[in-house]
């Protein structure tokens, strides 16, 4: 029933790869319909 017993090597490898990634590249700092201020930008006609 435990996944750790089924795929231990691949899970450990995927965790290792994930830990080396620069998570900052996928930050959520982008324009949208949230509540937190992000930035000012020029008005577009």
ModelCIF file with pLDDT and N, C-alpha, C, O atoms, coordinates in Angstrom:
data_MODEL
#
_entry.id   MODEL 
#
_entity.id                         1 
_entity.type                       polymer 
_entity.pdbx_number_of_molecules   1 
#
_entity_poly.entity_id                      1 
_entity_poly.type                           'polypeptide(L)' 
_entity_poly.nstd_linkage                   no 
_entity_poly.nstd_monomer                   no 
_entity_poly.pdbx_seq_one_letter_code       
;(UNK)(UNK)(UNK)(UNK)(UNK)(UNK)(UNK)(UNK)(UNK)(UNK)(UNK)(UNK)(UNK)(UNK)(UNK)(UNK)
(UNK)(UNK)(UNK)(UNK)(UNK)(UNK)(UNK)(UNK)(UNK)(UNK)(UNK)(UNK)(UNK)(UNK)(UNK)(UNK)
(UNK)(UNK)(UNK)(UNK)(UNK)(UNK)(UNK)(UNK)(UNK)(UNK)(UNK)(UNK)(UNK)
;
_entity_poly.pdbx_seq_one_letter_code_can   XXXXXXXXXXXXXXXXXXXXXXXXXXXXXXXXXXXXXXXXXXXXX 
_entity_poly.pdbx_strand_id                 A 
#
loop_
_entity_poly_seq.entity_id 
_entity_poly_seq.num 
_entity_poly_seq.mon_id 
_entity_poly_seq.hetero 
1 1  UNK n 
1 2  UNK n 
1 3  UNK n 
1 4  UNK n 
1 5  UNK n 
1 6  UNK n 
1 7  UNK n 
1 8  UNK n 
1 9  UNK n 
1 10 UNK n 
1 11 UNK n 
1 12 UNK n 
1 13 UNK n 
1 14 UNK n 
1 15 UNK n 
1 16 UNK n 
1 17 UNK n 
1 18 UNK n 
1 19 UNK n 
1 20 UNK n 
1 21 UNK n 
1 22 UNK n 
1 23 UNK n 
1 24 UNK n 
1 25 UNK n 
1 26 UNK n 
1 27 UNK n 
1 28 UNK n 
1 29 UNK n 
1 30 UNK n 
1 31 UNK n 
1 32 UNK n 
1 33 UNK n 
1 34 UNK n 
1 35 UNK n 
1 36 UNK n 
1 37 UNK n 
1 38 UNK n 
1 39 UNK n 
1 40 UNK n 
1 41 UNK n 
1 42 UNK n 
1 43 UNK n 
1 44 UNK n 
1 45 UNK n 
#
_struct_asym.id          A 
_struct_asym.entity_id   1 
#
loop_
_ma_qa_metric.id 
_ma_qa_metric.mode 
_ma_qa_metric.name 
_ma_qa_metric.software_group_id 
_ma_qa_metric.type 
1 global pLDDT . pLDDT 
2 local  pLDDT . pLDDT 
#
_ma_qa_metric_global.metric_id      1 
_ma_qa_metric_global.metric_value   55.56 
_ma_qa_metric_global.model_id       1 
_ma_qa_metric_global.ordinal_id     1 
#
loop_
_ma_qa_metric_local.label_asym_id 
_ma_qa_metric_local.label_comp_id 
_ma_qa_metric_local.label_seq_id 
_ma_qa_metric_local.metric_id 
_ma_qa_metric_local.metric_value 
_ma_qa_metric_local.model_id 
_ma_qa_metric_local.ordinal_id 
A UNK 1  2 33.00 1 1  
A UNK 2  2 34.00 1 2  
A UNK 3  2 34.00 1 3  
A UNK 4  2 37.00 1 4  
A UNK 5  2 43.00 1 5  
A UNK 6  2 39.00 1 6  
A UNK 7  2 53.00 1 7  
A UNK 8  2 55.00 1 8  
A UNK 9  2 64.00 1 9  
A UNK 10 2 66.00 1 10 
A UNK 11 2 66.00 1 11 
A UNK 12 2 68.00 1 12 
A UNK 13 2 72.00 1 13 
A UNK 14 2 73.00 1 14 
A UNK 15 2 71.00 1 15 
A UNK 16 2 73.00 1 16 
A UNK 17 2 74.00 1 17 
A UNK 18 2 71.00 1 18 
A UNK 19 2 70.00 1 19 
A UNK 20 2 66.00 1 20 
A UNK 21 2 62.00 1 21 
A UNK 22 2 45.00 1 22 
A UNK 23 2 44.00 1 23 
A UNK 24 2 42.00 1 24 
A UNK 25 2 43.00 1 25 
A UNK 26 2 42.00 1 26 
A UNK 27 2 44.00 1 27 
A UNK 28 2 45.00 1 28 
A UNK 29 2 45.00 1 29 
A UNK 30 2 45.00 1 30 
A UNK 31 2 43.00 1 31 
A UNK 32 2 44.00 1 32 
A UNK 33 2 45.00 1 33 
A UNK 34 2 42.00 1 34 
A UNK 35 2 43.00 1 35 
A UNK 36 2 49.00 1 36 
A UNK 37 2 50.00 1 37 
A UNK 38 2 52.00 1 38 
A UNK 39 2 66.00 1 39 
A UNK 40 2 73.00 1 40 
A UNK 41 2 74.00 1 41 
A UNK 42 2 82.00 1 42 
A UNK 43 2 77.00 1 43 
A UNK 44 2 72.00 1 44 
A UNK 45 2 69.00 1 45 
#
loop_
_atom_site.group_PDB 
_atom_site.id 
_atom_site.type_symbol 
_atom_site.label_atom_id 
_atom_site.label_alt_id 
_atom_site.label_comp_id 
_atom_site.label_asym_id 
_atom_site.label_entity_id 
_atom_site.label_seq_id 
_atom_site.pdbx_PDB_ins_code 
_atom_site.Cartn_x 
_atom_site.Cartn_y 
_atom_site.Cartn_z 
_atom_site.occupancy 
_atom_site.B_iso_or_equiv 
_atom_site.pdbx_formal_charge 
_atom_site.auth_seq_id 
_atom_site.auth_comp_id 
_atom_site.auth_asym_id 
_atom_site.auth_atom_id 
_atom_site.pdbx_PDB_model_num 
ATOM 1   N N  . UNK A 1 1  ? 0.825  -1.208 0.000   1.00 33.00 ? 1  UNK A N  1 
ATOM 2   C CA . UNK A 1 1  ? 0.000  0.000  0.000   1.00 33.00 ? 1  UNK A CA 1 
ATOM 3   C C  . UNK A 1 1  ? 0.855  1.251  0.000   1.00 33.00 ? 1  UNK A C  1 
ATOM 4   O O  . UNK A 1 1  ? 0.405  2.312  -0.432  1.00 33.00 ? 1  UNK A O  1 
ATOM 5   N N  . UNK A 1 2  ? 2.067  1.138  0.474   1.00 34.00 ? 2  UNK A N  1 
ATOM 6   C CA . UNK A 1 2  ? 2.934  2.307  0.567   1.00 34.00 ? 2  UNK A CA 1 
ATOM 7   C C  . UNK A 1 2  ? 3.661  2.542  -0.745  1.00 34.00 ? 2  UNK A C  1 
ATOM 8   O O  . UNK A 1 2  ? 4.318  1.645  -1.273  1.00 34.00 ? 2  UNK A O  1 
ATOM 9   N N  . UNK A 1 3  ? 3.541  3.743  -1.260  1.00 34.00 ? 3  UNK A N  1 
ATOM 10  C CA . UNK A 1 3  ? 4.236  4.075  -2.503  1.00 34.00 ? 3  UNK A CA 1 
ATOM 11  C C  . UNK A 1 3  ? 5.741  4.037  -2.316  1.00 34.00 ? 3  UNK A C  1 
ATOM 12  O O  . UNK A 1 3  ? 6.474  3.703  -3.247  1.00 34.00 ? 3  UNK A O  1 
ATOM 13  N N  . UNK A 1 4  ? 6.202  4.370  -1.143  1.00 37.00 ? 4  UNK A N  1 
ATOM 14  C CA . UNK A 1 4  ? 7.641  4.364  -0.891  1.00 37.00 ? 4  UNK A CA 1 
ATOM 15  C C  . UNK A 1 4  ? 8.215  2.968  -1.087  1.00 37.00 ? 4  UNK A C  1 
ATOM 16  O O  . UNK A 1 4  ? 9.397  2.819  -1.396  1.00 37.00 ? 4  UNK A O  1 
ATOM 17  N N  . UNK A 1 5  ? 7.374  1.934  -0.908  1.00 43.00 ? 5  UNK A N  1 
ATOM 18  C CA . UNK A 1 5  ? 7.824  0.570  -1.116  1.00 43.00 ? 5  UNK A CA 1 
ATOM 19  C C  . UNK A 1 5  ? 7.739  0.178  -2.585  1.00 43.00 ? 5  UNK A C  1 
ATOM 20  O O  . UNK A 1 5  ? 8.428  -0.744 -3.023  1.00 43.00 ? 5  UNK A O  1 
ATOM 21  N N  . UNK A 1 6  ? 6.891  0.875  -3.353  1.00 39.00 ? 6  UNK A N  1 
ATOM 22  C CA . UNK A 1 6  ? 6.693  0.498  -4.742  1.00 39.00 ? 6  UNK A CA 1 
ATOM 23  C C  . UNK A 1 6  ? 7.722  1.141  -5.669  1.00 39.00 ? 6  UNK A C  1 
ATOM 24  O O  . UNK A 1 6  ? 8.275  0.469  -6.540  1.00 39.00 ? 6  UNK A O  1 
ATOM 25  N N  . UNK A 1 7  ? 7.977  2.409  -5.492  1.00 53.00 ? 7  UNK A N  1 
ATOM 26  C CA . UNK A 1 7  ? 8.848  3.113  -6.433  1.00 53.00 ? 7  UNK A CA 1 
ATOM 27  C C  . UNK A 1 7  ? 9.901  3.936  -5.694  1.00 53.00 ? 7  UNK A C  1 
ATOM 28  O O  . UNK A 1 7  ? 10.023 5.135  -5.947  1.00 53.00 ? 7  UNK A O  1 
ATOM 29  N N  . UNK A 1 8  ? 10.651 3.334  -4.804  1.00 55.00 ? 8  UNK A N  1 
ATOM 30  C CA . UNK A 1 8  ? 11.569 4.125  -3.978  1.00 55.00 ? 8  UNK A CA 1 
ATOM 31  C C  . UNK A 1 8  ? 12.634 4.846  -4.778  1.00 55.00 ? 8  UNK A C  1 
ATOM 32  O O  . UNK A 1 8  ? 12.916 6.014  -4.514  1.00 55.00 ? 8  UNK A O  1 
ATOM 33  N N  . UNK A 1 9  ? 13.224 4.182  -5.739  1.00 64.00 ? 9  UNK A N  1 
ATOM 34  C CA . UNK A 1 9  ? 14.340 4.807  -6.453  1.00 64.00 ? 9  UNK A CA 1 
ATOM 35  C C  . UNK A 1 9  ? 13.875 5.985  -7.317  1.00 64.00 ? 9  UNK A C  1 
ATOM 36  O O  . UNK A 1 9  ? 14.516 7.036  -7.338  1.00 64.00 ? 9  UNK A O  1 
ATOM 37  N N  . UNK A 1 10 ? 12.754 5.804  -8.031  1.00 66.00 ? 10 UNK A N  1 
ATOM 38  C CA . UNK A 1 10 ? 12.290 6.875  -8.902  1.00 66.00 ? 10 UNK A CA 1 
ATOM 39  C C  . UNK A 1 10 ? 11.767 8.061  -8.104  1.00 66.00 ? 10 UNK A C  1 
ATOM 40  O O  . UNK A 1 10 ? 11.930 9.211  -8.510  1.00 66.00 ? 10 UNK A O  1 
ATOM 41  N N  . UNK A 1 11 ? 11.141 7.777  -6.971  1.00 66.00 ? 11 UNK A N  1 
ATOM 42  C CA . UNK A 1 11 ? 10.650 8.874  -6.138  1.00 66.00 ? 11 UNK A CA 1 
ATOM 43  C C  . UNK A 1 11 ? 11.823 9.674  -5.581  1.00 66.00 ? 11 UNK A C  1 
ATOM 44  O O  . UNK A 1 11 ? 11.812 10.905 -5.601  1.00 66.00 ? 11 UNK A O  1 
ATOM 45  N N  . UNK A 1 12 ? 12.820 8.975  -5.090  1.00 68.00 ? 12 UNK A N  1 
ATOM 46  C CA . UNK A 1 12 ? 13.992 9.668  -4.563  1.00 68.00 ? 12 UNK A CA 1 
ATOM 47  C C  . UNK A 1 12 ? 14.686 10.482 -5.646  1.00 68.00 ? 12 UNK A C  1 
ATOM 48  O O  . UNK A 1 12 ? 15.140 11.598 -5.394  1.00 68.00 ? 12 UNK A O  1 
ATOM 49  N N  . UNK A 1 13 ? 14.768 9.927  -6.847  1.00 72.00 ? 13 UNK A N  1 
ATOM 50  C CA . UNK A 1 13 ? 15.418 10.643 -7.937  1.00 72.00 ? 13 UNK A CA 1 
ATOM 51  C C  . UNK A 1 13 ? 14.617 11.878 -8.342  1.00 72.00 ? 13 UNK A C  1 
ATOM 52  O O  . UNK A 1 13 ? 15.197 12.934 -8.595  1.00 72.00 ? 13 UNK A O  1 
ATOM 53  N N  . UNK A 1 14 ? 13.288 11.756 -8.405  1.00 73.00 ? 14 UNK A N  1 
ATOM 54  C CA . UNK A 1 14 ? 12.473 12.909 -8.775  1.00 73.00 ? 14 UNK A CA 1 
ATOM 55  C C  . UNK A 1 14 ? 12.558 14.000 -7.711  1.00 73.00 ? 14 UNK A C  1 
ATOM 56  O O  . UNK A 1 14 ? 12.575 15.187 -8.038  1.00 73.00 ? 14 UNK A O  1 
ATOM 57  N N  . UNK A 1 15 ? 12.613 13.600 -6.439  1.00 71.00 ? 15 UNK A N  1 
ATOM 58  C CA . UNK A 1 15 ? 12.779 14.575 -5.369  1.00 71.00 ? 15 UNK A CA 1 
ATOM 59  C C  . UNK A 1 15 ? 14.131 15.281 -5.483  1.00 71.00 ? 15 UNK A C  1 
ATOM 60  O O  . UNK A 1 15 ? 14.238 16.488 -5.263  1.00 71.00 ? 15 UNK A O  1 
ATOM 61  N N  . UNK A 1 16 ? 15.163 14.502 -5.832  1.00 73.00 ? 16 UNK A N  1 
ATOM 62  C CA . UNK A 1 16 ? 16.492 15.095 -5.969  1.00 73.00 ? 16 UNK A CA 1 
ATOM 63  C C  . UNK A 1 16 ? 16.512 16.121 -7.096  1.00 73.00 ? 16 UNK A C  1 
ATOM 64  O O  . UNK A 1 16 ? 17.054 17.215 -6.944  1.00 73.00 ? 16 UNK A O  1 
ATOM 65  N N  . UNK A 1 17 ? 15.912 15.755 -8.234  1.00 74.00 ? 17 UNK A N  1 
ATOM 66  C CA . UNK A 1 17 ? 15.869 16.684 -9.366  1.00 74.00 ? 17 UNK A CA 1 
ATOM 67  C C  . UNK A 1 17 ? 15.074 17.922 -9.007  1.00 74.00 ? 17 UNK A C  1 
ATOM 68  O O  . UNK A 1 17 ? 15.480 19.044 -9.310  1.00 74.00 ? 17 UNK A O  1 
ATOM 69  N N  . UNK A 1 18 ? 13.932 17.711 -8.356  1.00 71.00 ? 18 UNK A N  1 
ATOM 70  C CA . UNK A 1 18 ? 13.096 18.842 -7.980  1.00 71.00 ? 18 UNK A CA 1 
ATOM 71  C C  . UNK A 1 18 ? 13.829 19.802 -7.057  1.00 71.00 ? 18 UNK A C  1 
ATOM 72  O O  . UNK A 1 18 ? 13.687 21.018 -7.183  1.00 71.00 ? 18 UNK A O  1 
ATOM 73  N N  . UNK A 1 19 ? 14.615 19.261 -6.128  1.00 70.00 ? 19 UNK A N  1 
ATOM 74  C CA . UNK A 1 19 ? 15.318 20.108 -5.158  1.00 70.00 ? 19 UNK A CA 1 
ATOM 75  C C  . UNK A 1 19 ? 16.410 20.951 -5.804  1.00 70.00 ? 19 UNK A C  1 
ATOM 76  O O  . UNK A 1 19 ? 16.848 21.945 -5.226  1.00 70.00 ? 19 UNK A O  1 
ATOM 77  N N  . UNK A 1 20 ? 16.857 20.558 -7.009  1.00 66.00 ? 20 UNK A N  1 
ATOM 78  C CA . UNK A 1 20 ? 17.915 21.319 -7.676  1.00 66.00 ? 20 UNK A CA 1 
ATOM 79  C C  . UNK A 1 20 ? 17.356 22.436 -8.549  1.00 66.00 ? 20 UNK A C  1 
ATOM 80  O O  . UNK A 1 20 ? 18.116 23.272 -9.039  1.00 66.00 ? 20 UNK A O  1 
ATOM 81  N N  . UNK A 1 21 ? 16.053 22.465 -8.750  1.00 62.00 ? 21 UNK A N  1 
ATOM 82  C CA . UNK A 1 21 ? 15.469 23.452 -9.653  1.00 62.00 ? 21 UNK A CA 1 
ATOM 83  C C  . UNK A 1 21 ? 15.346 24.815 -8.978  1.00 62.00 ? 21 UNK A C  1 
ATOM 84  O O  . UNK A 1 21 ? 15.173 24.919 -7.764  1.00 62.00 ? 21 UNK A O  1 
ATOM 85  N N  . UNK A 1 22 ? 15.436 25.829 -9.784  1.00 45.00 ? 22 UNK A N  1 
ATOM 86  C CA . UNK A 1 22 ? 15.274 27.205 -9.281  1.00 45.00 ? 22 UNK A CA 1 
ATOM 87  C C  . UNK A 1 22 ? 13.789 27.520 -9.266  1.00 45.00 ? 22 UNK A C  1 
ATOM 88  O O  . UNK A 1 22 ? 13.225 27.952 -10.271 1.00 45.00 ? 22 UNK A O  1 
ATOM 89  N N  . UNK A 1 23 ? 13.159 27.300 -8.121  1.00 44.00 ? 23 UNK A N  1 
ATOM 90  C CA . UNK A 1 23 ? 11.716 27.515 -8.030  1.00 44.00 ? 23 UNK A CA 1 
ATOM 91  C C  . UNK A 1 23 ? 11.327 28.957 -8.331  1.00 44.00 ? 23 UNK A C  1 
ATOM 92  O O  . UNK A 1 23 ? 10.194 29.224 -8.729  1.00 44.00 ? 23 UNK A O  1 
ATOM 93  N N  . UNK A 1 24 ? 12.255 29.882 -8.144  1.00 42.00 ? 24 UNK A N  1 
ATOM 94  C CA . UNK A 1 24 ? 11.935 31.274 -8.397  1.00 42.00 ? 24 UNK A CA 1 
ATOM 95  C C  . UNK A 1 24 ? 11.532 31.553 -9.827  1.00 42.00 ? 24 UNK A C  1 
ATOM 96  O O  . UNK A 1 24 ? 10.854 32.545 -10.095 1.00 42.00 ? 24 UNK A O  1 
ATOM 97  N N  . UNK A 1 25 ? 11.945 30.683 -10.770 1.00 43.00 ? 25 UNK A N  1 
ATOM 98  C CA . UNK A 1 25 ? 11.584 30.887 -12.157 1.00 43.00 ? 25 UNK A CA 1 
ATOM 99  C C  . UNK A 1 25 ? 10.097 30.723 -12.376 1.00 43.00 ? 25 UNK A C  1 
ATOM 100 O O  . UNK A 1 25 ? 9.546  31.218 -13.358 1.00 43.00 ? 25 UNK A O  1 
ATOM 101 N N  . UNK A 1 26 ? 9.447  30.023 -11.454 1.00 42.00 ? 26 UNK A N  1 
ATOM 102 C CA . UNK A 1 26 ? 8.013  29.812 -11.619 1.00 42.00 ? 26 UNK A CA 1 
ATOM 103 C C  . UNK A 1 26 ? 7.235  30.562 -10.544 1.00 42.00 ? 26 UNK A C  1 
ATOM 104 O O  . UNK A 1 26 ? 6.220  30.077 -10.044 1.00 42.00 ? 26 UNK A O  1 
ATOM 105 N N  . UNK A 1 27 ? 7.712  31.730 -10.201 1.00 44.00 ? 27 UNK A N  1 
ATOM 106 C CA . UNK A 1 27 ? 6.987  32.530 -9.231  1.00 44.00 ? 27 UNK A CA 1 
ATOM 107 C C  . UNK A 1 27 ? 5.651  32.981 -9.781  1.00 44.00 ? 27 UNK A C  1 
ATOM 108 O O  . UNK A 1 27 ? 5.441  32.954 -10.994 1.00 44.00 ? 27 UNK A O  1 
ATOM 109 N N  . UNK A 1 28 ? 4.761  33.388 -8.928  1.00 45.00 ? 28 UNK A N  1 
ATOM 110 C CA . UNK A 1 28 ? 3.434  33.782 -9.364  1.00 45.00 ? 28 UNK A CA 1 
ATOM 111 C C  . UNK A 1 28 ? 3.302  35.296 -9.403  1.00 45.00 ? 28 UNK A C  1 
ATOM 112 O O  . UNK A 1 28 ? 2.195  35.825 -9.291  1.00 45.00 ? 28 UNK A O  1 
ATOM 113 N N  . UNK A 1 29 ? 4.410  35.993 -9.558  1.00 45.00 ? 29 UNK A N  1 
ATOM 114 C CA . UNK A 1 29 ? 4.380  37.437 -9.657  1.00 45.00 ? 29 UNK A CA 1 
ATOM 115 C C  . UNK A 1 29 ? 3.987  37.832 -11.066 1.00 45.00 ? 29 UNK A C  1 
ATOM 116 O O  . UNK A 1 29 ? 4.855  38.045 -11.913 1.00 45.00 ? 29 UNK A O  1 
ATOM 117 N N  . UNK A 1 30 ? 2.709  37.931 -11.330 1.00 45.00 ? 30 UNK A N  1 
ATOM 118 C CA . UNK A 1 30 ? 2.222  38.305 -12.644 1.00 45.00 ? 30 UNK A CA 1 
ATOM 119 C C  . UNK A 1 30 ? 0.865  38.961 -12.500 1.00 45.00 ? 30 UNK A C  1 
ATOM 120 O O  . UNK A 1 30 ? 0.188  38.802 -11.484 1.00 45.00 ? 30 UNK A O  1 
ATOM 121 N N  . UNK A 1 31 ? 0.479  39.694 -13.519 1.00 43.00 ? 31 UNK A N  1 
ATOM 122 C CA . UNK A 1 31 ? -0.762 40.457 -13.450 1.00 43.00 ? 31 UNK A CA 1 
ATOM 123 C C  . UNK A 1 31 ? -1.966 39.538 -13.427 1.00 43.00 ? 31 UNK A C  1 
ATOM 124 O O  . UNK A 1 31 ? -1.960 38.474 -14.045 1.00 43.00 ? 31 UNK A O  1 
ATOM 125 N N  . UNK A 1 32 ? -3.027 39.966 -12.692 1.00 44.00 ? 32 UNK A N  1 
ATOM 126 C CA . UNK A 1 32 ? -4.227 39.156 -12.646 1.00 44.00 ? 32 UNK A CA 1 
ATOM 127 C C  . UNK A 1 32 ? -5.287 39.795 -11.785 1.00 44.00 ? 32 UNK A C  1 
ATOM 128 O O  . UNK A 1 32 ? -5.275 41.004 -11.551 1.00 44.00 ? 32 UNK A O  1 
ATOM 129 N N  . UNK A 1 33 ? -6.219 38.960 -11.310 1.00 45.00 ? 33 UNK A N  1 
ATOM 130 C CA . UNK A 1 33 ? -7.375 39.463 -10.568 1.00 45.00 ? 33 UNK A CA 1 
ATOM 131 C C  . UNK A 1 33 ? -7.245 39.254 -9.067  1.00 45.00 ? 33 UNK A C  1 
ATOM 132 O O  . UNK A 1 33 ? -8.247 39.013 -8.394  1.00 45.00 ? 33 UNK A O  1 
ATOM 133 N N  . UNK A 1 34 ? -6.049 39.338 -8.535  1.00 42.00 ? 34 UNK A N  1 
ATOM 134 C CA . UNK A 1 34 ? -5.856 39.184 -7.105  1.00 42.00 ? 34 UNK A CA 1 
ATOM 135 C C  . UNK A 1 34 ? -6.085 40.476 -6.353  1.00 42.00 ? 34 UNK A C  1 
ATOM 136 O O  . UNK A 1 34 ? -6.666 41.420 -6.888  1.00 42.00 ? 34 UNK A O  1 
ATOM 137 N N  . UNK A 1 35 ? -5.622 40.518 -5.091  1.00 43.00 ? 35 UNK A N  1 
ATOM 138 C CA . UNK A 1 35 ? -5.814 41.688 -4.251  1.00 43.00 ? 35 UNK A CA 1 
ATOM 139 C C  . UNK A 1 35 ? -4.515 42.404 -3.940  1.00 43.00 ? 35 UNK A C  1 
ATOM 140 O O  . UNK A 1 35 ? -4.533 43.583 -3.587  1.00 43.00 ? 35 UNK A O  1 
ATOM 141 N N  . UNK A 1 36 ? -3.375 41.712 -4.063  1.00 49.00 ? 36 UNK A N  1 
ATOM 142 C CA . UNK A 1 36 ? -2.091 42.293 -3.695  1.00 49.00 ? 36 UNK A CA 1 
ATOM 143 C C  . UNK A 1 36 ? -1.545 43.164 -4.825  1.00 49.00 ? 36 UNK A C  1 
ATOM 144 O O  . UNK A 1 36 ? -1.545 42.762 -5.988  1.00 49.00 ? 36 UNK A O  1 
ATOM 145 N N  . UNK A 1 37 ? -1.080 44.361 -4.467  1.00 50.00 ? 37 UNK A N  1 
ATOM 146 C CA . UNK A 1 37 ? -0.490 45.244 -5.472  1.00 50.00 ? 37 UNK A CA 1 
ATOM 147 C C  . UNK A 1 37 ? 0.789  44.631 -6.022  1.00 50.00 ? 37 UNK A C  1 
ATOM 148 O O  . UNK A 1 37 ? 1.584  44.052 -5.282  1.00 50.00 ? 37 UNK A O  1 
ATOM 149 N N  . UNK A 1 38 ? 0.979  44.769 -7.358  1.00 52.00 ? 38 UNK A N  1 
ATOM 150 C CA . UNK A 1 38 ? 2.177  44.250 -7.993  1.00 52.00 ? 38 UNK A CA 1 
ATOM 151 C C  . UNK A 1 38 ? 3.010  45.392 -8.556  1.00 52.00 ? 38 UNK A C  1 
ATOM 152 O O  . UNK A 1 38 ? 4.157  45.576 -8.151  1.00 52.00 ? 38 UNK A O  1 
ATOM 153 N N  . UNK A 1 39 ? 2.444  46.170 -9.494  1.00 66.00 ? 39 UNK A N  1 
ATOM 154 C CA . UNK A 1 39 ? 3.218  47.223 -10.134 1.00 66.00 ? 39 UNK A CA 1 
ATOM 155 C C  . UNK A 1 39 ? 2.291  48.216 -10.831 1.00 66.00 ? 39 UNK A C  1 
ATOM 156 O O  . UNK A 1 39 ? 1.110  47.944 -11.042 1.00 66.00 ? 39 UNK A O  1 
ATOM 157 N N  . UNK A 1 40 ? 2.849  49.368 -11.182 1.00 73.00 ? 40 UNK A N  1 
ATOM 158 C CA . UNK A 1 40 ? 2.177  50.307 -12.066 1.00 73.00 ? 40 UNK A CA 1 
ATOM 159 C C  . UNK A 1 40 ? 2.703  50.075 -13.475 1.00 73.00 ? 40 UNK A C  1 
ATOM 160 O O  . UNK A 1 40 ? 3.871  49.738 -13.672 1.00 73.00 ? 40 UNK A O  1 
ATOM 161 N N  . UNK A 1 41 ? 1.825  50.260 -14.444 1.00 74.00 ? 41 UNK A N  1 
ATOM 162 C CA . UNK A 1 41 ? 2.256  50.198 -15.842 1.00 74.00 ? 41 UNK A CA 1 
ATOM 163 C C  . UNK A 1 41 ? 1.511  51.275 -16.617 1.00 74.00 ? 41 UNK A C  1 
ATOM 164 O O  . UNK A 1 41 ? 0.452  51.728 -16.183 1.00 74.00 ? 41 UNK A O  1 
ATOM 165 N N  . UNK A 1 42 ? 2.053  51.693 -17.764 1.00 82.00 ? 42 UNK A N  1 
ATOM 166 C CA . UNK A 1 42 ? 1.397  52.735 -18.561 1.00 82.00 ? 42 UNK A CA 1 
ATOM 167 C C  . UNK A 1 42 ? 0.018  52.301 -19.041 1.00 82.00 ? 42 UNK A C  1 
ATOM 168 O O  . UNK A 1 42 ? -0.197 51.136 -19.375 1.00 82.00 ? 42 UNK A O  1 
ATOM 169 N N  . UNK A 1 43 ? -0.907 53.243 -19.072 1.00 77.00 ? 43 UNK A N  1 
ATOM 170 C CA . UNK A 1 43 ? -2.258 53.010 -19.576 1.00 77.00 ? 43 UNK A CA 1 
ATOM 171 C C  . UNK A 1 43 ? -2.193 52.759 -21.082 1.00 77.00 ? 43 UNK A C  1 
ATOM 172 O O  . UNK A 1 43 ? -1.450 53.429 -21.799 1.00 77.00 ? 43 UNK A O  1 
ATOM 173 N N  . UNK A 1 44 ? -2.982 51.784 -21.557 1.00 72.00 ? 44 UNK A N  1 
ATOM 174 C CA . UNK A 1 44 ? -3.017 51.447 -22.976 1.00 72.00 ? 44 UNK A CA 1 
ATOM 175 C C  . UNK A 1 44 ? -4.343 51.905 -23.564 1.00 72.00 ? 44 UNK A C  1 
ATOM 176 O O  . UNK A 1 44 ? -5.404 51.644 -22.997 1.00 72.00 ? 44 UNK A O  1 
ATOM 177 N N  . UNK A 1 45 ? -4.280 52.587 -24.701 1.00 69.00 ? 45 UNK A N  1 
ATOM 178 C CA . UNK A 1 45 ? -5.492 53.079 -25.353 1.00 69.00 ? 45 UNK A CA 1 
ATOM 179 C C  . UNK A 1 45 ? -6.473 51.939 -25.582 1.00 69.00 ? 45 UNK A C  1 
ATOM 180 O O  . UNK A 1 45 ? -7.558 52.157 -26.122 1.00 69.00 ? 45 UNK A O  1 
#
